[in-house]
Amino acid sequence: MLKANIGCRIVIGYERTDKALVEKFRDLPVANIGDCMNRVTAVHQDIRPMNNTPLLGTAFTVKVPQGDNLMFHKAMDLAQPGDIIVIDAGGMKNRAILGELMINYCKIRGVAGVVVDGSIRDYDSISQMDFPVYARGVNPNGPYKNGPGEIGTVISFGGQIVSPGDIVVGDADGIVFIRPKEAEALAEKVKAVSEKEKDIMETMKTDGTYNRPWVDEKLQEIDCQYVNLTNGEV
């Protein structure tokens, strides 16, 4: 019988998402992805990029107690190249979960990024790195290293549920997580939206127009009243 130690466990051996499927989301805007996911899937707006490096990879999930990073230390050794270490730190910002040394180690090991629903420190250094880091805040107070925590389990991150192997996409707007079984169709949908926006932008530049018939249709639907003061209408 499997020994139960709820809240303190490490799960390994889950199947990584195919890299070719992940690559379908490279350079696709998070805003467009979110629109194609019904505009309810982005993480909380307070979780922001700490530098200008875009984020793409598969979720390697970690759950830590508030202000403790023992499980993140172990996760750095277990994560594989292409993984994004996604840390559920409960959204607390009063103690940093990671800093410059740990980020450099992750980069050396081929990890594709680190995101934490909590705080980092060493912002001056991390903000200049070509390695994606997202966090809810910055705080110089260091973490405890006592545990417990979990690795490789389903977590909550910035208001979204994340499973190991989910595709992670991030840019300056924020982060979305994508279930692998939904990724193929979603990528095609997002590419179509991006191409449509490109065409709209070209038309705006060349013709100075932005064709949106739905605006007047919606105004008519809600029975919006027009008042023309030049004609004395009321």
Protein backbone atom coordinates (compact mmCIF):
# COMPACT_ATOMS: atom_id res chain seq x y z
CA MET A 1 0.00 0.00 0.00
CA LEU A 2 1.26 3.48 -0.94
CA LYS A 3 2.19 5.45 2.14
CA ALA A 4 0.09 8.59 2.42
CA ASN A 5 1.89 11.75 3.47
CA ILE A 6 -0.56 14.37 2.32
CA GLY A 7 1.09 17.66 1.41
CA CYS A 8 4.60 16.20 1.20
CA ARG A 9 5.26 14.14 -1.91
CA ILE A 10 7.25 14.07 -5.13
CA VAL A 11 5.72 12.58 -8.27
CA ILE A 12 8.07 11.73 -11.13
CA GLY A 13 7.83 9.86 -14.42
CA TYR A 14 4.90 11.73 -15.99
CA GLU A 15 4.90 11.99 -19.78
CA ARG A 16 6.24 15.25 -21.24
CA THR A 17 4.24 17.00 -23.93
CA ASP A 18 5.60 16.56 -27.45
CA LYS A 19 8.02 19.40 -28.24
CA ALA A 20 6.62 19.85 -31.74
CA LEU A 21 3.20 20.56 -30.22
CA VAL A 22 4.69 23.09 -27.81
CA GLU A 23 6.50 24.85 -30.66
CA LYS A 24 3.18 25.57 -32.38
CA PHE A 25 2.70 28.36 -29.83
CA ARG A 26 6.04 30.08 -30.35
CA ASP A 27 5.59 33.79 -31.10
CA LEU A 28 1.81 33.60 -30.71
CA PRO A 29 0.52 36.49 -28.55
CA VAL A 30 -0.86 35.51 -25.16
CA ALA A 31 -3.73 37.96 -25.71
CA ASN A 32 -4.82 36.09 -28.84
CA ILE A 33 -4.46 32.73 -27.12
CA GLY A 34 -6.57 33.98 -24.24
CA ASP A 35 -9.24 35.30 -26.63
CA CYS A 36 -9.43 31.85 -28.24
CA MET A 37 -9.88 30.32 -24.77
CA ASN A 38 -12.96 32.44 -24.04
CA ARG A 39 -10.99 35.15 -22.21
CA VAL A 40 -11.04 33.45 -18.81
CA THR A 41 -7.72 31.57 -18.73
CA ALA A 42 -4.97 34.13 -18.05
CA VAL A 43 -3.29 34.10 -14.65
CA HIS A 44 -3.80 36.95 -12.19
CA GLN A 45 -2.63 40.29 -13.53
CA ASP A 46 -0.25 40.85 -10.61
CA ILE A 47 2.02 38.04 -11.84
CA ARG A 48 4.37 39.96 -14.11
CA PRO A 49 7.49 39.26 -16.21
CA MET A 50 10.71 40.16 -14.44
CA ASN A 51 12.56 40.69 -17.74
CA ASN A 52 11.84 40.84 -21.46
CA THR A 53 12.33 37.17 -22.33
CA PRO A 54 9.22 35.36 -23.66
CA LEU A 55 8.12 32.13 -22.02
CA LEU A 56 7.39 28.79 -23.70
CA GLY A 57 7.64 25.24 -22.39
CA THR A 58 5.85 22.58 -20.37
CA ALA A 59 4.78 22.88 -16.76
CA PHE A 60 6.87 21.21 -14.04
CA THR A 61 4.68 21.89 -11.03
CA VAL A 62 5.81 22.71 -7.49
CA LYS A 63 3.76 23.57 -4.42
CA VAL A 64 5.52 25.18 -1.45
CA PRO A 65 4.37 26.52 1.93
CA GLN A 66 4.36 30.27 2.30
CA GLY A 67 7.94 31.56 2.39
CA ASP A 68 9.61 28.14 2.01
CA ASN A 69 11.60 26.85 -1.00
CA LEU A 70 12.79 23.35 -0.02
CA MET A 71 10.74 21.73 -2.79
CA PHE A 72 11.95 24.24 -5.35
CA HIS A 73 15.52 23.26 -4.55
CA LYS A 74 14.63 19.63 -5.27
CA ALA A 75 12.64 20.60 -8.37
CA MET A 76 15.71 22.25 -9.90
CA ASP A 77 17.47 18.88 -9.81
CA LEU A 78 14.51 16.95 -11.23
CA ALA A 79 13.30 19.29 -13.98
CA GLN A 80 14.23 18.42 -17.55
CA PRO A 81 15.32 20.68 -20.43
CA GLY A 82 12.29 22.49 -21.81
CA ASP A 83 10.39 22.42 -18.52
CA ILE A 84 8.94 25.57 -17.01
CA ILE A 85 9.07 25.32 -13.21
CA VAL A 86 5.67 26.58 -12.04
CA ILE A 87 5.65 27.33 -8.30
CA ASP A 88 2.48 27.70 -6.29
CA ALA A 89 3.66 29.79 -3.33
CA GLY A 90 0.18 30.79 -2.26
CA GLY A 91 0.46 34.29 -3.69
CA MET A 92 2.35 35.55 -0.63
CA LYS A 93 4.88 38.30 -1.29
CA ASN A 94 6.51 38.80 2.13
CA ARG A 95 9.40 36.36 1.48
CA ALA A 96 11.29 35.55 -1.72
CA ILE A 97 11.17 31.96 -2.97
CA LEU A 98 14.14 32.30 -5.31
CA GLY A 99 16.93 34.57 -6.46
CA GLU A 100 19.85 34.98 -8.85
CA LEU A 101 21.80 31.83 -7.91
CA MET A 102 18.84 29.52 -8.38
CA ILE A 103 17.83 31.10 -11.68
CA ASN A 104 21.35 30.69 -13.04
CA TYR A 105 21.35 27.03 -12.02
CA CYS A 106 18.01 26.50 -13.78
CA LYS A 107 19.39 28.13 -16.91
CA ILE A 108 22.51 25.96 -16.87
CA ARG A 109 20.36 22.82 -16.57
CA GLY A 110 18.28 23.76 -19.62
CA VAL A 111 15.11 24.68 -17.76
CA ALA A 112 13.02 26.94 -20.01
CA GLY A 113 11.78 29.35 -17.35
CA VAL A 114 10.56 29.83 -13.78
CA VAL A 115 7.24 31.34 -12.72
CA VAL A 116 6.21 31.82 -9.11
CA ASP A 117 2.96 32.93 -7.53
CA GLY A 118 5.01 34.68 -4.89
CA SER A 119 8.14 36.82 -4.71
CA ILE A 120 11.68 36.77 -6.04
CA ARG A 121 14.77 38.73 -5.00
CA ASP A 122 17.94 39.87 -6.81
CA TYR A 123 15.69 41.73 -9.23
CA ASP A 124 18.51 43.89 -10.61
CA SER A 125 20.29 40.80 -11.93
CA ILE A 126 17.24 38.81 -12.98
CA SER A 127 15.79 41.77 -14.88
CA GLN A 128 18.87 41.74 -17.15
CA MET A 129 18.87 37.99 -17.86
CA ASP A 130 17.82 36.33 -21.11
CA PHE A 131 15.93 33.72 -19.10
CA PRO A 132 12.17 34.10 -18.47
CA VAL A 133 11.08 34.69 -14.88
CA TYR A 134 7.61 35.76 -13.74
CA ALA A 135 6.57 36.61 -10.19
CA ARG A 136 3.92 38.37 -8.16
CA GLY A 137 6.40 40.57 -6.31
CA VAL A 138 9.95 41.35 -5.20
CA ASN A 139 11.18 41.08 -1.61
CA PRO A 140 14.70 40.82 -0.18
CA ASN A 141 13.62 38.57 2.70
CA GLY A 142 14.99 35.09 2.09
CA PRO A 143 12.99 31.83 2.32
CA TYR A 144 12.89 29.05 4.89
CA LYS A 145 13.91 25.55 3.82
CA ASN A 146 11.81 23.26 5.99
CA GLY A 147 9.10 21.92 3.70
CA PRO A 148 6.71 20.25 3.28
CA GLY A 149 5.48 20.70 -0.28
CA GLU A 150 4.79 18.82 -3.48
CA ILE A 151 6.36 18.26 -6.88
CA GLY A 152 4.57 16.93 -9.95
CA THR A 153 1.01 17.36 -8.69
CA VAL A 154 -1.92 19.50 -9.83
CA ILE A 155 -1.56 23.01 -8.41
CA SER A 156 -3.31 26.37 -8.37
CA PHE A 157 -1.37 29.25 -9.92
CA GLY A 158 -2.64 32.80 -10.18
CA GLY A 159 -6.24 31.65 -10.19
CA GLN A 160 -5.72 28.87 -12.76
CA ILE A 161 -5.40 25.10 -12.34
CA VAL A 162 -2.14 23.69 -13.71
CA SER A 163 -1.25 20.04 -14.33
CA PRO A 164 2.22 18.65 -15.00
CA GLY A 165 2.90 18.76 -18.74
CA ASP A 166 0.53 21.64 -19.53
CA ILE A 167 1.91 24.01 -22.15
CA VAL A 168 3.01 27.34 -20.68
CA VAL A 169 3.04 30.50 -22.80
CA GLY A 170 4.00 33.93 -21.50
CA ASP A 171 4.78 37.36 -22.87
CA ALA A 172 4.59 40.95 -21.60
CA ASP A 173 0.81 40.64 -21.16
CA GLY A 174 0.89 37.61 -18.86
CA ILE A 175 0.70 33.80 -18.82
CA VAL A 176 -1.72 31.13 -20.03
CA PHE A 177 -1.66 27.36 -19.49
CA ILE A 178 -2.87 25.01 -22.21
CA ARG A 179 -3.97 21.39 -21.86
CA PRO A 180 -2.03 19.26 -24.37
CA LYS A 181 -5.18 17.52 -25.65
CA GLU A 182 -6.61 20.92 -26.63
CA ALA A 183 -3.40 22.39 -28.01
CA GLU A 184 -3.50 21.31 -31.66
CA ALA A 185 -6.89 22.82 -32.45
CA LEU A 186 -6.19 25.87 -30.30
CA ALA A 187 -2.92 26.67 -32.08
CA GLU A 188 -4.64 26.67 -35.47
CA LYS A 189 -7.41 28.90 -34.14
CA VAL A 190 -4.94 31.38 -32.68
CA LYS A 191 -2.89 31.50 -35.89
CA ALA A 192 -6.05 32.32 -37.85
CA VAL A 193 -6.88 35.16 -35.45
CA SER A 194 -3.34 36.52 -35.67
CA GLU A 195 -3.46 36.49 -39.48
CA LYS A 196 -6.83 38.27 -39.41
CA GLU A 197 -5.42 40.97 -37.11
CA LYS A 198 -2.42 41.38 -39.43
CA ASP A 199 -4.77 41.99 -42.36
CA ILE A 200 -6.82 44.48 -40.34
CA MET A 201 -3.67 46.39 -39.42
CA GLU A 202 -2.57 46.53 -43.07
CA THR A 203 -5.96 47.89 -44.10
CA MET A 204 -5.82 50.51 -41.36
CA LYS A 205 -2.40 51.66 -42.55
CA THR A 206 -3.26 51.74 -46.26
CA ASP A 207 -6.93 52.83 -46.24
CA GLY A 208 -7.32 54.44 -42.84
CA THR A 209 -10.36 52.30 -42.11
CA TYR A 210 -11.29 49.80 -39.41
CA ASN A 211 -14.34 47.85 -40.55
CA ARG A 212 -16.43 46.73 -37.55
CA PRO A 213 -20.10 46.34 -38.57
CA TRP A 214 -20.87 44.56 -35.34
CA VAL A 215 -20.53 47.85 -33.42
CA ASP A 216 -23.60 49.45 -35.01
CA GLU A 217 -25.41 46.12 -34.95
CA LYS A 218 -24.91 45.86 -31.19
CA LEU A 219 -25.95 49.49 -30.63
CA GLN A 220 -29.15 48.82 -32.57
CA GLU A 221 -29.73 45.64 -30.61
CA ILE A 222 -29.56 47.48 -27.29
CA ASP A 223 -31.74 50.31 -28.66
CA CYS A 224 -29.14 53.02 -28.14
CA GLN A 225 -30.57 56.55 -28.54
CA TYR A 226 -28.83 59.00 -30.88
CA VAL A 227 -29.06 62.70 -30.10
CA ASN A 228 -28.09 65.19 -32.85
CA LEU A 229 -27.65 68.59 -31.20
CA THR A 230 -26.83 70.35 -34.49
CA ASN A 231 -30.35 69.68 -35.72
CA GLY A 232 -32.01 70.48 -32.41
CA GLU A 233 -33.08 66.85 -31.96
CA VAL A 234 -33.80 65.52 -28.51
